[in-house]
Amino acid sequence: MDAIVLLRDDHKTVEKLFKRFEKAEDGDLAERRSIADAVIEELTVHAWIEEQVFYPADERFKAKMSVLMENVRHHVEEEVKEWFPDVRKAMGRNRLTEIGDQLEAEKGRAPRDPLAVPSAASK
């Protein structure tokens, strides 16, 4: 299969999942969680194959990494400046402390290798 066709197919798959998430009922947390898990799995696999095979085969590897870094930095800035303040107002200190404790516990158990990430289907 053509590498670009495969990567574009991945992009289409994730966009379809985004659309499913947007159409899911607000109260259907199980459906939204399932879709989110599928998005995470798709993006993990996609990023891994790009970084392991596609980018190194491209003489523009440094440029691709620069784009990746820019995207991640934009994501972080958006969370910190826009999303986190809204979440803090909506949830309050006690709930955020509970969630923070959960995040800390999960961080210790989280896989360090993308290949070790369990698939959404196995959950």
PDB file of N, CA and C in Angstrom:
ATOM      1  N   MET A   1       0.840  -1.184   0.000  1.00  0.00           N
ATOM      2  CA  MET A   1       0.000   0.000   0.000  1.00  0.00           C
ATOM      3  C   MET A   1       0.882   1.242   0.000  1.00  0.00           C
ATOM      4  N   ASP A   2       0.463   2.251  -0.703  1.00  0.00           N
ATOM      5  CA  ASP A   2       1.144   3.537  -0.744  1.00  0.00           C
ATOM      6  C   ASP A   2       1.136   4.141   0.670  1.00  0.00           C
ATOM      7  N   ALA A   3       2.296   4.589   1.136  1.00  0.00           N
ATOM      8  CA  ALA A   3       2.429   5.104   2.502  1.00  0.00           C
ATOM      9  C   ALA A   3       1.519   6.305   2.745  1.00  0.00           C
ATOM     10  N   ILE A   4       1.435   7.194   1.790  1.00  0.00           N
ATOM     11  CA  ILE A   4       0.611   8.394   1.990  1.00  0.00           C
ATOM     12  C   ILE A   4      -0.870   8.036   2.006  1.00  0.00           C
ATOM     13  N   VAL A   5      -1.266   7.082   1.185  1.00  0.00           N
ATOM     14  CA  VAL A   5      -2.661   6.618   1.204  1.00  0.00           C
ATOM     15  C   VAL A   5      -2.986   6.038   2.571  1.00  0.00           C
ATOM     16  N   LEU A   6      -2.087   5.226   3.105  1.00  0.00           N
ATOM     17  CA  LEU A   6      -2.310   4.624   4.425  1.00  0.00           C
ATOM     18  C   LEU A   6      -2.432   5.704   5.505  1.00  0.00           C
ATOM     19  N   LEU A   7      -1.531   6.668   5.499  1.00  0.00           N
ATOM     20  CA  LEU A   7      -1.567   7.724   6.518  1.00  0.00           C
ATOM     21  C   LEU A   7      -2.817   8.591   6.366  1.00  0.00           C
ATOM     22  N   ARG A   8      -3.221   8.869   5.138  1.00  0.00           N
ATOM     23  CA  ARG A   8      -4.458   9.630   4.917  1.00  0.00           C
ATOM     24  C   ARG A   8      -5.676   8.846   5.389  1.00  0.00           C
ATOM     25  N   ASP A   9      -5.667   7.535   5.182  1.00  0.00           N
ATOM     26  CA  ASP A   9      -6.763   6.699   5.680  1.00  0.00           C
ATOM     27  C   ASP A   9      -6.850   6.802   7.203  1.00  0.00           C
ATOM     28  N   ASP A  10      -5.692   6.824   7.858  1.00  0.00           N
ATOM     29  CA  ASP A  10      -5.680   7.015   9.316  1.00  0.00           C
ATOM     30  C   ASP A  10      -6.324   8.345   9.690  1.00  0.00           C
ATOM     31  N   HIS A  11      -5.980   9.405   8.956  1.00  0.00           N
ATOM     32  CA  HIS A  11      -6.549  10.726   9.228  1.00  0.00           C
ATOM     33  C   HIS A  11      -8.077  10.682   9.094  1.00  0.00           C
ATOM     34  N   LYS A  12      -8.562  10.004   8.057  1.00  0.00           N
ATOM     35  CA  LYS A  12     -10.011   9.901   7.823  1.00  0.00           C
ATOM     36  C   LYS A  12     -10.687   9.119   8.949  1.00  0.00           C
ATOM     37  N   THR A  13     -10.030   8.060   9.409  1.00  0.00           N
ATOM     38  CA  THR A  13     -10.580   7.255  10.499  1.00  0.00           C
ATOM     39  C   THR A  13     -10.749   8.093  11.755  1.00  0.00           C
ATOM     40  N   VAL A  14      -9.734   8.884  12.091  1.00  0.00           N
ATOM     41  CA  VAL A  14      -9.797   9.724  13.288  1.00  0.00           C
ATOM     42  C   VAL A  14     -10.867  10.801  13.119  1.00  0.00           C
ATOM     43  N   GLU A  15     -10.970  11.386  11.951  1.00  0.00           N
ATOM     44  CA  GLU A  15     -11.999  12.415  11.720  1.00  0.00           C
ATOM     45  C   GLU A  15     -13.398  11.827  11.867  1.00  0.00           C
ATOM     46  N   LYS A  16     -13.609  10.605  11.396  1.00  0.00           N
ATOM     47  CA  LYS A  16     -14.908   9.939  11.566  1.00  0.00           C
ATOM     48  C   LYS A  16     -15.207   9.727  13.047  1.00  0.00           C
ATOM     49  N   LEU A  17     -14.191   9.356  13.810  1.00  0.00           N
ATOM     50  CA  LEU A  17     -14.378   9.193  15.257  1.00  0.00           C
ATOM     51  C   LEU A  17     -14.713  10.527  15.914  1.00  0.00           C
ATOM     52  N   PHE A  18     -14.045  11.598  15.494  1.00  0.00           N
ATOM     53  CA  PHE A  18     -14.359  12.929  16.020  1.00  0.00           C
ATOM     54  C   PHE A  18     -15.832  13.264  15.753  1.00  0.00           C
ATOM     55  N   LYS A  19     -16.305  12.974  14.548  1.00  0.00           N
ATOM     56  CA  LYS A  19     -17.700  13.271  14.193  1.00  0.00           C
ATOM     57  C   LYS A  19     -18.666  12.435  15.037  1.00  0.00           C
ATOM     58  N   ARG A  20     -18.319  11.161  15.267  1.00  0.00           N
ATOM     59  CA  ARG A  20     -19.153  10.316  16.142  1.00  0.00           C
ATOM     60  C   ARG A  20     -19.208  10.894  17.545  1.00  0.00           C
ATOM     61  N   PHE A  21     -18.071  11.368  18.038  1.00  0.00           N
ATOM     62  CA  PHE A  21     -18.020  11.952  19.374  1.00  0.00           C
ATOM     63  C   PHE A  21     -18.912  13.193  19.450  1.00  0.00           C
ATOM     64  N   GLU A  22     -18.829  14.032  18.432  1.00  0.00           N
ATOM     65  CA  GLU A  22     -19.633  15.255  18.403  1.00  0.00           C
ATOM     66  C   GLU A  22     -21.132  14.956  18.350  1.00  0.00           C
ATOM     67  N   LYS A  23     -21.513  13.848  17.725  1.00  0.00           N
ATOM     68  CA  LYS A  23     -22.928  13.480  17.605  1.00  0.00           C
ATOM     69  C   LYS A  23     -23.449  12.706  18.820  1.00  0.00           C
ATOM     70  N   ALA A  24     -22.542  12.174  19.633  1.00  0.00           N
ATOM     71  CA  ALA A  24     -22.964  11.383  20.796  1.00  0.00           C
ATOM     72  C   ALA A  24     -23.731  12.268  21.773  1.00  0.00           C
ATOM     73  N   GLU A  25     -24.725  11.670  22.404  1.00  0.00           N
ATOM     74  CA  GLU A  25     -25.526  12.382  23.399  1.00  0.00           C
ATOM     75  C   GLU A  25     -24.647  12.812  24.571  1.00  0.00           C
ATOM     76  N   ASP A  26     -24.915  14.000  25.099  1.00  0.00           N
ATOM     77  CA  ASP A  26     -24.128  14.512  26.228  1.00  0.00           C
ATOM     78  C   ASP A  26     -24.117  13.547  27.409  1.00  0.00           C
ATOM     79  N   GLY A  27     -25.240  12.903  27.665  1.00  0.00           N
ATOM     80  CA  GLY A  27     -25.338  12.006  28.814  1.00  0.00           C
ATOM     81  C   GLY A  27     -24.783  10.613  28.582  1.00  0.00           C
ATOM     82  N   ASP A  28     -24.432  10.295  27.348  1.00  0.00           N
ATOM     83  CA  ASP A  28     -23.943   8.942  27.037  1.00  0.00           C
ATOM     84  C   ASP A  28     -22.435   8.876  27.248  1.00  0.00           C
ATOM     85  N   LEU A  29     -22.050   8.846  28.514  1.00  0.00           N
ATOM     86  CA  LEU A  29     -20.623   8.859  28.851  1.00  0.00           C
ATOM     87  C   LEU A  29     -19.906   7.597  28.395  1.00  0.00           C
ATOM     88  N   ALA A  30     -20.603   6.465  28.418  1.00  0.00           N
ATOM     89  CA  ALA A  30     -19.970   5.211  27.982  1.00  0.00           C
ATOM     90  C   ALA A  30     -19.607   5.274  26.500  1.00  0.00           C
ATOM     91  N   GLU A  31     -20.512   5.810  25.691  1.00  0.00           N
ATOM     92  CA  GLU A  31     -20.244   5.938  24.257  1.00  0.00           C
ATOM     93  C   GLU A  31     -19.101   6.913  24.013  1.00  0.00           C
ATOM     94  N   ARG A  32     -19.135   8.054  24.690  1.00  0.00           N
ATOM     95  CA  ARG A  32     -18.065   9.036  24.519  1.00  0.00           C
ATOM     96  C   ARG A  32     -16.718   8.480  24.975  1.00  0.00           C
ATOM     97  N   ARG A  33     -16.703   7.725  26.069  1.00  0.00           N
ATOM     98  CA  ARG A  33     -15.460   7.113  26.551  1.00  0.00           C
ATOM     99  C   ARG A  33     -14.939   6.108  25.538  1.00  0.00           C
ATOM    100  N   SER A  34     -15.847   5.319  24.983  1.00  0.00           N
ATOM    101  CA  SER A  34     -15.461   4.323  23.979  1.00  0.00           C
ATOM    102  C   SER A  34     -14.849   4.996  22.747  1.00  0.00           C
ATOM    103  N   ILE A  35     -15.479   6.068  22.294  1.00  0.00           N
ATOM    104  CA  ILE A  35     -14.961   6.791  21.130  1.00  0.00           C
ATOM    105  C   ILE A  35     -13.607   7.418  21.467  1.00  0.00           C
ATOM    106  N   ALA A  36     -13.496   8.030  22.644  1.00  0.00           N
ATOM    107  CA  ALA A  36     -12.227   8.643  23.056  1.00  0.00           C
ATOM    108  C   ALA A  36     -11.114   7.599  23.107  1.00  0.00           C
ATOM    109  N   ASP A  37     -11.418   6.420  23.639  1.00  0.00           N
ATOM    110  CA  ASP A  37     -10.417   5.343  23.682  1.00  0.00           C
ATOM    111  C   ASP A  37      -9.979   4.952  22.279  1.00  0.00           C
ATOM    112  N   ALA A  38     -10.932   4.885  21.355  1.00  0.00           N
ATOM    113  CA  ALA A  38     -10.602   4.527  19.975  1.00  0.00           C
ATOM    114  C   ALA A  38      -9.737   5.614  19.325  1.00  0.00           C
ATOM    115  N   VAL A  39     -10.037   6.889  19.597  1.00  0.00           N
ATOM    116  CA  VAL A  39      -9.230   7.991  19.067  1.00  0.00           C
ATOM    117  C   VAL A  39      -7.801   7.891  19.589  1.00  0.00           C
ATOM    118  N   ILE A  40      -7.671   7.671  20.879  1.00  0.00           N
ATOM    119  CA  ILE A  40      -6.341   7.573  21.495  1.00  0.00           C
ATOM    120  C   ILE A  40      -5.551   6.426  20.878  1.00  0.00           C
ATOM    121  N   GLU A  41      -6.207   5.290  20.696  1.00  0.00           N
ATOM    122  CA  GLU A  41      -5.526   4.143  20.092  1.00  0.00           C
ATOM    123  C   GLU A  41      -5.093   4.449  18.661  1.00  0.00           C
ATOM    124  N   GLU A  42      -5.997   5.015  17.875  1.00  0.00           N
ATOM    125  CA  GLU A  42      -5.669   5.346  16.482  1.00  0.00           C
ATOM    126  C   GLU A  42      -4.504   6.330  16.403  1.00  0.00           C
ATOM    127  N   LEU A  43      -4.536   7.381  17.225  1.00  0.00           N
ATOM    128  CA  LEU A  43      -3.473   8.382  17.190  1.00  0.00           C
ATOM    129  C   LEU A  43      -2.144   7.830  17.685  1.00  0.00           C
ATOM    130  N   THR A  44      -2.192   6.936  18.667  1.00  0.00           N
ATOM    131  CA  THR A  44      -0.963   6.320  19.182  1.00  0.00           C
ATOM    132  C   THR A  44      -0.294   5.480  18.100  1.00  0.00           C
ATOM    133  N   VAL A  45      -1.081   4.652  17.444  1.00  0.00           N
ATOM    134  CA  VAL A  45      -0.541   3.807  16.373  1.00  0.00           C
ATOM    135  C   VAL A  45      -0.037   4.683  15.230  1.00  0.00           C
ATOM    136  N   HIS A  46      -0.815   5.662  14.852  1.00  0.00           N
ATOM    137  CA  HIS A  46      -0.445   6.545  13.747  1.00  0.00           C
ATOM    138  C   HIS A  46       0.869   7.277  14.030  1.00  0.00           C
ATOM    139  N   ALA A  47       0.969   7.868  15.209  1.00  0.00           N
ATOM    140  CA  ALA A  47       2.199   8.594  15.568  1.00  0.00           C
ATOM    141  C   ALA A  47       3.393   7.645  15.598  1.00  0.00           C
ATOM    142  N   TRP A  48       3.184   6.448  16.111  1.00  0.00           N
ATOM    143  CA  TRP A  48       4.303   5.499  16.233  1.00  0.00           C
ATOM    144  C   TRP A  48       4.823   5.085  14.860  1.00  0.00           C
ATOM    145  N   ILE A  49       3.904   4.741  13.942  1.00  0.00           N
ATOM    146  CA  ILE A  49       4.384   4.298  12.624  1.00  0.00           C
ATOM    147  C   ILE A  49       5.031   5.452  11.870  1.00  0.00           C
ATOM    148  N   GLU A  50       4.525   6.673  12.051  1.00  0.00           N
ATOM    149  CA  GLU A  50       5.164   7.822  11.406  1.00  0.00           C
ATOM    150  C   GLU A  50       6.576   8.026  11.942  1.00  0.00           C
ATOM    151  N   GLU A  51       6.709   7.986  13.272  1.00  0.00           N
ATOM    152  CA  GLU A  51       8.003   8.260  13.890  1.00  0.00           C
ATOM    153  C   GLU A  51       9.014   7.137  13.671  1.00  0.00           C
ATOM    154  N   GLN A  52       8.548   5.900  13.587  1.00  0.00           N
ATOM    155  CA  GLN A  52       9.452   4.766  13.440  1.00  0.00           C
ATOM    156  C   GLN A  52       9.845   4.502  11.983  1.00  0.00           C
ATOM    157  N   VAL A  53       8.904   4.738  11.067  1.00  0.00           N
ATOM    158  CA  VAL A  53       9.151   4.339   9.675  1.00  0.00           C
ATOM    159  C   VAL A  53       9.116   5.524   8.714  1.00  0.00           C
ATOM    160  N   PHE A  54       8.031   6.275   8.736  1.00  0.00           N
ATOM    161  CA  PHE A  54       7.819   7.286   7.702  1.00  0.00           C
ATOM    162  C   PHE A  54       8.760   8.479   7.819  1.00  0.00           C
ATOM    163  N   TYR A  55       8.825   9.099   8.974  1.00  0.00           N
ATOM    164  CA  TYR A  55       9.673  10.288   9.122  1.00  0.00           C
ATOM    165  C   TYR A  55      11.155   9.997   8.887  1.00  0.00           C
ATOM    166  N   PRO A  56      11.693   8.923   9.451  1.00  0.00           N
ATOM    167  CA  PRO A  56      13.123   8.663   9.185  1.00  0.00           C
ATOM    168  C   PRO A  56      13.432   8.384   7.710  1.00  0.00           C
ATOM    169  N   ALA A  57      12.440   7.903   6.945  1.00  0.00           N
ATOM    170  CA  ALA A  57      12.667   7.629   5.519  1.00  0.00           C
ATOM    171  C   ALA A  57      12.648   8.930   4.707  1.00  0.00           C
ATOM    172  N   ASP A  58      12.228   9.999   5.322  1.00  0.00           N
ATOM    173  CA  ASP A  58      12.099  11.306   4.651  1.00  0.00           C
ATOM    174  C   ASP A  58      13.302  12.155   5.031  1.00  0.00           C
ATOM    175  N   GLU A  59      13.982  12.679   4.026  1.00  0.00           N
ATOM    176  CA  GLU A  59      15.157  13.512   4.336  1.00  0.00           C
ATOM    177  C   GLU A  59      14.761  14.765   5.095  1.00  0.00           C
ATOM    178  N   ARG A  60      13.463  15.039   5.175  1.00  0.00           N
ATOM    179  CA  ARG A  60      12.979  16.192   5.914  1.00  0.00           C
ATOM    180  C   ARG A  60      12.565  15.804   7.344  1.00  0.00           C
ATOM    181  N   PHE A  61      13.211  14.800   7.905  1.00  0.00           N
ATOM    182  CA  PHE A  61      12.901  14.315   9.253  1.00  0.00           C
ATOM    183  C   PHE A  61      12.934  15.450  10.269  1.00  0.00           C
ATOM    184  N   LYS A  62      13.969  16.291  10.193  1.00  0.00           N
ATOM    185  CA  LYS A  62      14.088  17.410  11.132  1.00  0.00           C
ATOM    186  C   LYS A  62      12.895  18.358  10.988  1.00  0.00           C
ATOM    187  N   ALA A  63      12.487  18.616   9.770  1.00  0.00           N
ATOM    188  CA  ALA A  63      11.335  19.494   9.542  1.00  0.00           C
ATOM    189  C   ALA A  63      10.058  18.876  10.110  1.00  0.00           C
ATOM    190  N   LYS A  64       9.893  17.578   9.930  1.00  0.00           N
ATOM    191  CA  LYS A  64       8.712  16.892  10.454  1.00  0.00           C
ATOM    192  C   LYS A  64       8.683  16.946  11.979  1.00  0.00           C
ATOM    193  N   MET A  65       9.845  16.744  12.606  1.00  0.00           N
ATOM    194  CA  MET A  65       9.913  16.842  14.066  1.00  0.00           C
ATOM    195  C   MET A  65       9.608  18.261  14.522  1.00  0.00           C
ATOM    196  N   SER A  66      10.037  19.242  13.766  1.00  0.00           N
ATOM    197  CA  SER A  66       9.736  20.634  14.108  1.00  0.00           C
ATOM    198  C   SER A  66       8.234  20.880  14.089  1.00  0.00           C
ATOM    199  N   VAL A  67       7.553  20.331  13.097  1.00  0.00           N
ATOM    200  CA  VAL A  67       6.099  20.468  13.013  1.00  0.00           C
ATOM    201  C   VAL A  67       5.443  19.755  14.196  1.00  0.00           C
ATOM    202  N   LEU A  68       5.906  18.560  14.514  1.00  0.00           N
ATOM    203  CA  LEU A  68       5.376  17.818  15.659  1.00  0.00           C
ATOM    204  C   LEU A  68       5.546  18.628  16.943  1.00  0.00           C
ATOM    205  N   MET A  69       6.742  19.184  17.145  1.00  0.00           N
ATOM    206  CA  MET A  69       6.993  19.983  18.348  1.00  0.00           C
ATOM    207  C   MET A  69       6.071  21.200  18.395  1.00  0.00           C
ATOM    208  N   GLU A  70       5.898  21.845  17.261  1.00  0.00           N
ATOM    209  CA  GLU A  70       5.018  23.025  17.204  1.00  0.00           C
ATOM    210  C   GLU A  70       3.578  22.641  17.564  1.00  0.00           C
ATOM    211  N   ASN A  71       3.114  21.509  17.036  1.00  0.00           N
ATOM    212  CA  ASN A  71       1.747  21.057  17.326  1.00  0.00           C
ATOM    213  C   ASN A  71       1.561  20.728  18.804  1.00  0.00           C
ATOM    214  N   VAL A  72       2.515  20.044  19.376  1.00  0.00           N
ATOM    215  CA  VAL A  72       2.422  19.698  20.792  1.00  0.00           C
ATOM    216  C   VAL A  72       2.468  20.961  21.651  1.00  0.00           C
ATOM    217  N   ARG A  73       3.348  21.880  21.314  1.00  0.00           N
ATOM    218  CA  ARG A  73       3.430  23.138  22.069  1.00  0.00           C
ATOM    219  C   ARG A  73       2.129  23.929  21.963  1.00  0.00           C
ATOM    220  N   HIS A  74       1.520  23.947  20.789  1.00  0.00           N
ATOM    221  CA  HIS A  74       0.237  24.626  20.623  1.00  0.00           C
ATOM    222  C   HIS A  74      -0.832  23.965  21.488  1.00  0.00           C
ATOM    223  N   HIS A  75      -0.847  22.639  21.498  1.00  0.00           N
ATOM    224  CA  HIS A  75      -1.797  21.887  22.324  1.00  0.00           C
ATOM    225  C   HIS A  75      -1.640  22.271  23.794  1.00  0.00           C
ATOM    226  N   VAL A  76      -0.411  22.297  24.267  1.00  0.00           N
ATOM    227  CA  VAL A  76      -0.141  22.628  25.672  1.00  0.00           C
ATOM    228  C   VAL A  76      -0.606  24.053  25.974  1.00  0.00           C
ATOM    229  N   GLU A  77      -0.258  24.977  25.116  1.00  0.00           N
ATOM    230  CA  GLU A  77      -0.634  26.379  25.335  1.00  0.00           C
ATOM    231  C   GLU A  77      -2.156  26.539  25.365  1.00  0.00           C
ATOM    232  N   GLU A  78      -2.840  25.863  24.460  1.00  0.00           N
ATOM    233  CA  GLU A  78      -4.299  25.935  24.411  1.00  0.00           C
ATOM    234  C   GLU A  78      -4.922  25.387  25.689  1.00  0.00           C
ATOM    235  N   GLU A  79      -4.405  24.246  26.171  1.00  0.00           N
ATOM    236  CA  GLU A  79      -4.919  23.694  27.419  1.00  0.00           C
ATOM    237  C   GLU A  79      -4.699  24.650  28.581  1.00  0.00           C
ATOM    238  N   VAL A  80      -3.482  25.141  28.704  1.00  0.00           N
ATOM    239  CA  VAL A  80      -3.121  25.979  29.850  1.00  0.00           C
ATOM    240  C   VAL A  80      -3.892  27.296  29.844  1.00  0.00           C
ATOM    241  N   LYS A  81      -3.985  27.942  28.696  1.00  0.00           N
ATOM    242  CA  LYS A  81      -4.592  29.277  28.648  1.00  0.00           C
ATOM    243  C   LYS A  81      -6.113  29.255  28.521  1.00  0.00           C
ATOM    244  N   GLU A  82      -6.665  28.249  27.832  1.00  0.00           N
ATOM    245  CA  GLU A  82      -8.098  28.269  27.542  1.00  0.00           C
ATOM    246  C   GLU A  82      -8.892  27.225  28.318  1.00  0.00           C
ATOM    247  N   TRP A  83      -8.435  25.990  28.273  1.00  0.00           N
ATOM    248  CA  TRP A  83      -9.250  24.913  28.813  1.00  0.00           C
ATOM    249  C   TRP A  83      -9.110  24.765  30.323  1.00  0.00           C
ATOM    250  N   PHE A  84      -7.888  24.741  30.835  1.00  0.00           N
ATOM    251  CA  PHE A  84      -7.677  24.540  32.265  1.00  0.00           C
ATOM    252  C   PHE A  84      -8.408  25.566  33.136  1.00  0.00           C
ATOM    253  N   PRO A  85      -8.390  26.860  32.802  1.00  0.00           N
ATOM    254  CA  PRO A  85      -9.133  27.812  33.641  1.00  0.00           C
ATOM    255  C   PRO A  85     -10.640  27.506  33.690  1.00  0.00           C
ATOM    256  N   ASP A  86     -11.227  27.102  32.576  1.00  0.00           N
ATOM    257  CA  ASP A  86     -12.649  26.755  32.557  1.00  0.00           C
ATOM    258  C   ASP A  86     -12.923  25.508  33.394  1.00  0.00           C
ATOM    259  N   VAL A  87     -12.050  24.527  33.276  1.00  0.00           N
ATOM    260  CA  VAL A  87     -12.219  23.293  34.051  1.00  0.00           C
ATOM    261  C   VAL A  87     -12.080  23.589  35.543  1.00  0.00           C
ATOM    262  N   ARG A  88     -11.127  24.419  35.902  1.00  0.00           N
ATOM    263  CA  ARG A  88     -10.924  24.774  37.315  1.00  0.00           C
ATOM    264  C   ARG A  88     -12.177  25.430  37.883  1.00  0.00           C
ATOM    265  N   LYS A  89     -12.778  26.347  37.140  1.00  0.00           N
ATOM    266  CA  LYS A  89     -14.006  27.016  37.591  1.00  0.00           C
ATOM    267  C   LYS A  89     -15.156  26.021  37.723  1.00  0.00           C
ATOM    268  N   ALA A  90     -15.276  25.119  36.754  1.00  0.00           N
ATOM    269  CA  ALA A  90     -16.403  24.189  36.726  1.00  0.00           C
ATOM    270  C   ALA A  90     -16.302  23.099  37.795  1.00  0.00           C
ATOM    271  N   MET A  91     -15.086  22.633  38.097  1.00  0.00           N
ATOM    272  CA  MET A  91     -14.930  21.492  38.991  1.00  0.00           C
ATOM    273  C   MET A  91     -14.613  21.869  40.424  1.00  0.00           C
ATOM    274  N   GLY A  92     -13.833  22.880  40.629  1.00  0.00           N
ATOM    275  CA  GLY A  92     -13.455  23.264  41.986  1.00  0.00           C
ATOM    276  C   GLY A  92     -12.275  22.462  42.503  1.00  0.00           C
ATOM    277  N   ARG A  93     -11.708  22.969  43.596  1.00  0.00           N
ATOM    278  CA  ARG A  93     -10.479  22.415  44.161  1.00  0.00           C
ATOM    279  C   ARG A  93     -10.612  20.959  44.607  1.00  0.00           C
ATOM    280  N   ASN A  94     -11.682  20.612  45.319  1.00  0.00           N
ATOM    281  CA  ASN A  94     -11.810  19.248  45.857  1.00  0.00           C
ATOM    282  C   ASN A  94     -11.875  18.201  44.743  1.00  0.00           C
ATOM    283  N   ARG A  95     -12.694  18.457  43.723  1.00  0.00           N
ATOM    284  CA  ARG A  95     -12.820  17.494  42.622  1.00  0.00           C
ATOM    285  C   ARG A  95     -11.515  17.388  41.840  1.00  0.00           C
ATOM    286  N   LEU A  96     -10.843  18.520  41.635  1.00  0.00           N
ATOM    287  CA  LEU A  96      -9.563  18.489  40.927  1.00  0.00           C
ATOM    288  C   LEU A  96      -8.499  17.752  41.732  1.00  0.00           C
ATOM    289  N   THR A  97      -8.568  17.852  43.051  1.00  0.00           N
ATOM    290  CA  THR A  97      -7.629  17.095  43.890  1.00  0.00           C
ATOM    291  C   THR A  97      -7.885  15.597  43.763  1.00  0.00           C
ATOM    292  N   GLU A  98      -9.159  15.203  43.751  1.00  0.00           N
ATOM    293  CA  GLU A  98      -9.503  13.785  43.559  1.00  0.00           C
ATOM    294  C   GLU A  98      -8.970  13.279  42.219  1.00  0.00           C
ATOM    295  N   ILE A  99      -9.225  14.043  41.177  1.00  0.00           N
ATOM    296  CA  ILE A  99      -8.774  13.645  39.838  1.00  0.00           C
ATOM    297  C   ILE A  99      -7.247  13.650  39.769  1.00  0.00           C
ATOM    298  N   GLY A 100      -6.615  14.627  40.408  1.00  0.00           N
ATOM    299  CA  GLY A 100      -5.151  14.677  40.440  1.00  0.00           C
ATOM    300  C   GLY A 100      -4.555  13.443  41.091  1.00  0.00           C
ATOM    301  N   ASP A 101      -5.186  12.979  42.185  1.00  0.00           N
ATOM    302  CA  ASP A 101      -4.725  11.751  42.844  1.00  0.00           C
ATOM    303  C   ASP A 101      -4.844  10.555  41.905  1.00  0.00           C
ATOM    304  N   GLN A 102      -5.946  10.500  41.156  1.00  0.00           N
ATOM    305  CA  GLN A 102      -6.130   9.411  40.189  1.00  0.00           C
ATOM    306  C   GLN A 102      -5.083   9.482  39.079  1.00  0.00           C
ATOM    307  N   LEU A 103      -4.835  10.694  38.588  1.00  0.00           N
ATOM    308  CA  LEU A 103      -3.822  10.856  37.537  1.00  0.00           C
ATOM    309  C   LEU A 103      -2.452  10.411  38.025  1.00  0.00           C
ATOM    310  N   GLU A 104      -2.117  10.796  39.248  1.00  0.00           N
ATOM    311  CA  GLU A 104      -0.813  10.410  39.805  1.00  0.00           C
ATOM    312  C   GLU A 104      -0.675   8.907  39.907  1.00  0.00           C
ATOM    313  N   ALA A 105      -1.728   8.242  40.366  1.00  0.00           N
ATOM    314  CA  ALA A 105      -1.701   6.780  40.490  1.00  0.00           C
ATOM    315  C   ALA A 105      -1.567   6.121  39.118  1.00  0.00           C
ATOM    316  N   GLU A 106      -2.302   6.618  38.138  1.00  0.00           N
ATOM    317  CA  GLU A 106      -2.253   6.043  36.793  1.00  0.00           C
ATOM    318  C   GLU A 106      -0.925   6.321  36.101  1.00  0.00           C
ATOM    319  N   LYS A 107      -0.326   7.458  36.398  1.00  0.00           N
ATOM    320  CA  LYS A 107       0.953   7.799  35.770  1.00  0.00           C
ATOM    321  C   LYS A 107       2.008   6.739  36.070  1.00  0.00           C
ATOM    322  N   GLY A 108       1.997   6.230  37.277  1.00  0.00           N
ATOM    323  CA  GLY A 108       2.939   5.176  37.646  1.00  0.00           C
ATOM    324  C   GLY A 108       2.687   3.865  36.924  1.00  0.00           C
ATOM    325  N   ARG A 109       1.434   3.636  36.542  1.00  0.00           N
ATOM    326  CA  ARG A 109       1.071   2.383  35.858  1.00  0.00           C
ATOM    327  C   ARG A 109       1.064   2.515  34.344  1.00  0.00           C
ATOM    328  N   ALA A 110       1.122   3.719  33.845  1.00  0.00           N
ATOM    329  CA  ALA A 110       0.989   3.954  32.404  1.00  0.00           C
ATOM    330  C   ALA A 110       2.149   3.328  31.636  1.00  0.00           C
ATOM    331  N   PRO A 111       1.854   2.783  30.457  1.00  0.00           N
ATOM    332  CA  PRO A 111       2.926   2.207  29.642  1.00  0.00           C
ATOM    333  C   PRO A 111       3.909   3.280  29.187  1.00  0.00           C
ATOM    334  N   ARG A 112       5.137   2.903  29.055  1.00  0.00           N
ATOM    335  CA  ARG A 112       6.181   3.817  28.585  1.00  0.00           C
ATOM    336  C   ARG A 112       6.486   3.596  27.113  1.00  0.00           C
ATOM    337  N   ASP A 113       5.931   2.537  26.553  1.00  0.00           N
ATOM    338  CA  ASP A 113       6.157   2.163  25.166  1.00  0.00           C
ATOM    339  C   ASP A 113       4.815   2.127  24.456  1.00  0.00           C
ATOM    340  N   PRO A 114       4.658   2.853  23.338  1.00  0.00           N
ATOM    341  CA  PRO A 114       3.375   2.840  22.635  1.00  0.00           C
ATOM    342  C   PRO A 114       2.911   1.442  22.264  1.00  0.00           C
ATOM    343  N   LEU A 115       3.837   0.521  22.066  1.00  0.00           N
ATOM    344  CA  LEU A 115       3.432  -0.855  21.743  1.00  0.00           C
ATOM    345  C   LEU A 115       2.770  -1.547  22.920  1.00  0.00           C
ATOM    346  N   ALA A 116       3.014  -1.058  24.128  1.00  0.00           N
ATOM    347  CA  ALA A 116       2.456  -1.679  25.322  1.00  0.00           C
ATOM    348  C   ALA A 116       1.089  -1.124  25.680  1.00  0.00           C
ATOM    349  N   VAL A 117       0.605  -0.125  24.939  1.00  0.00           N
ATOM    350  CA  VAL A 117      -0.695   0.473  25.244  1.00  0.00           C
ATOM    351  C   VAL A 117      -1.772  -0.521  24.867  1.00  0.00           C
ATOM    352  N   PRO A 118      -2.638  -0.891  25.845  1.00  0.00           N
ATOM    353  CA  PRO A 118      -3.705  -1.842  25.525  1.00  0.00           C
ATOM    354  C   PRO A 118      -4.689  -1.223  24.544  1.00  0.00           C
ATOM    355  N   SER A 119      -5.214  -2.036  23.670  1.00  0.00           N
ATOM    356  CA  SER A 119      -6.169  -1.518  22.692  1.00  0.00           C
ATOM    357  C   SER A 119      -7.503  -1.227  23.377  1.00  0.00           C
ATOM    358  N   ALA A 120      -8.261  -0.333  22.791  1.00  0.00           N
ATOM    359  CA  ALA A 120      -9.583   0.022  23.337  1.00  0.00           C
ATOM    360  C   ALA A 120     -10.483  -1.209  23.358  1.00  0.00           C
ATOM    361  N   ALA A 121     -10.289  -2.106  22.403  1.00  0.00           N
ATOM    362  CA  ALA A 121     -11.123  -3.310  22.323  1.00  0.00           C
ATOM    363  C   ALA A 121     -10.876  -4.261  23.486  1.00  0.00           C
ATOM    364  N   SER A 122      -9.703  -4.220  24.091  1.00  0.00           N
ATOM    365  CA  SER A 122      -9.394  -5.154  25.165  1.00  0.00           C
ATOM    366  C   SER A 122      -9.813  -4.634  26.534  1.00  0.00           C
ATOM    367  N   LYS A 123     -10.392  -3.431  26.573  1.00  0.00           N
ATOM    368  CA  LYS A 123     -10.797  -2.838  27.867  1.00  0.00           C
ATOM    369  C   LYS A 123     -12.170  -3.307  28.261  1.00  0.00           C
TER     370      LYS A 123
END
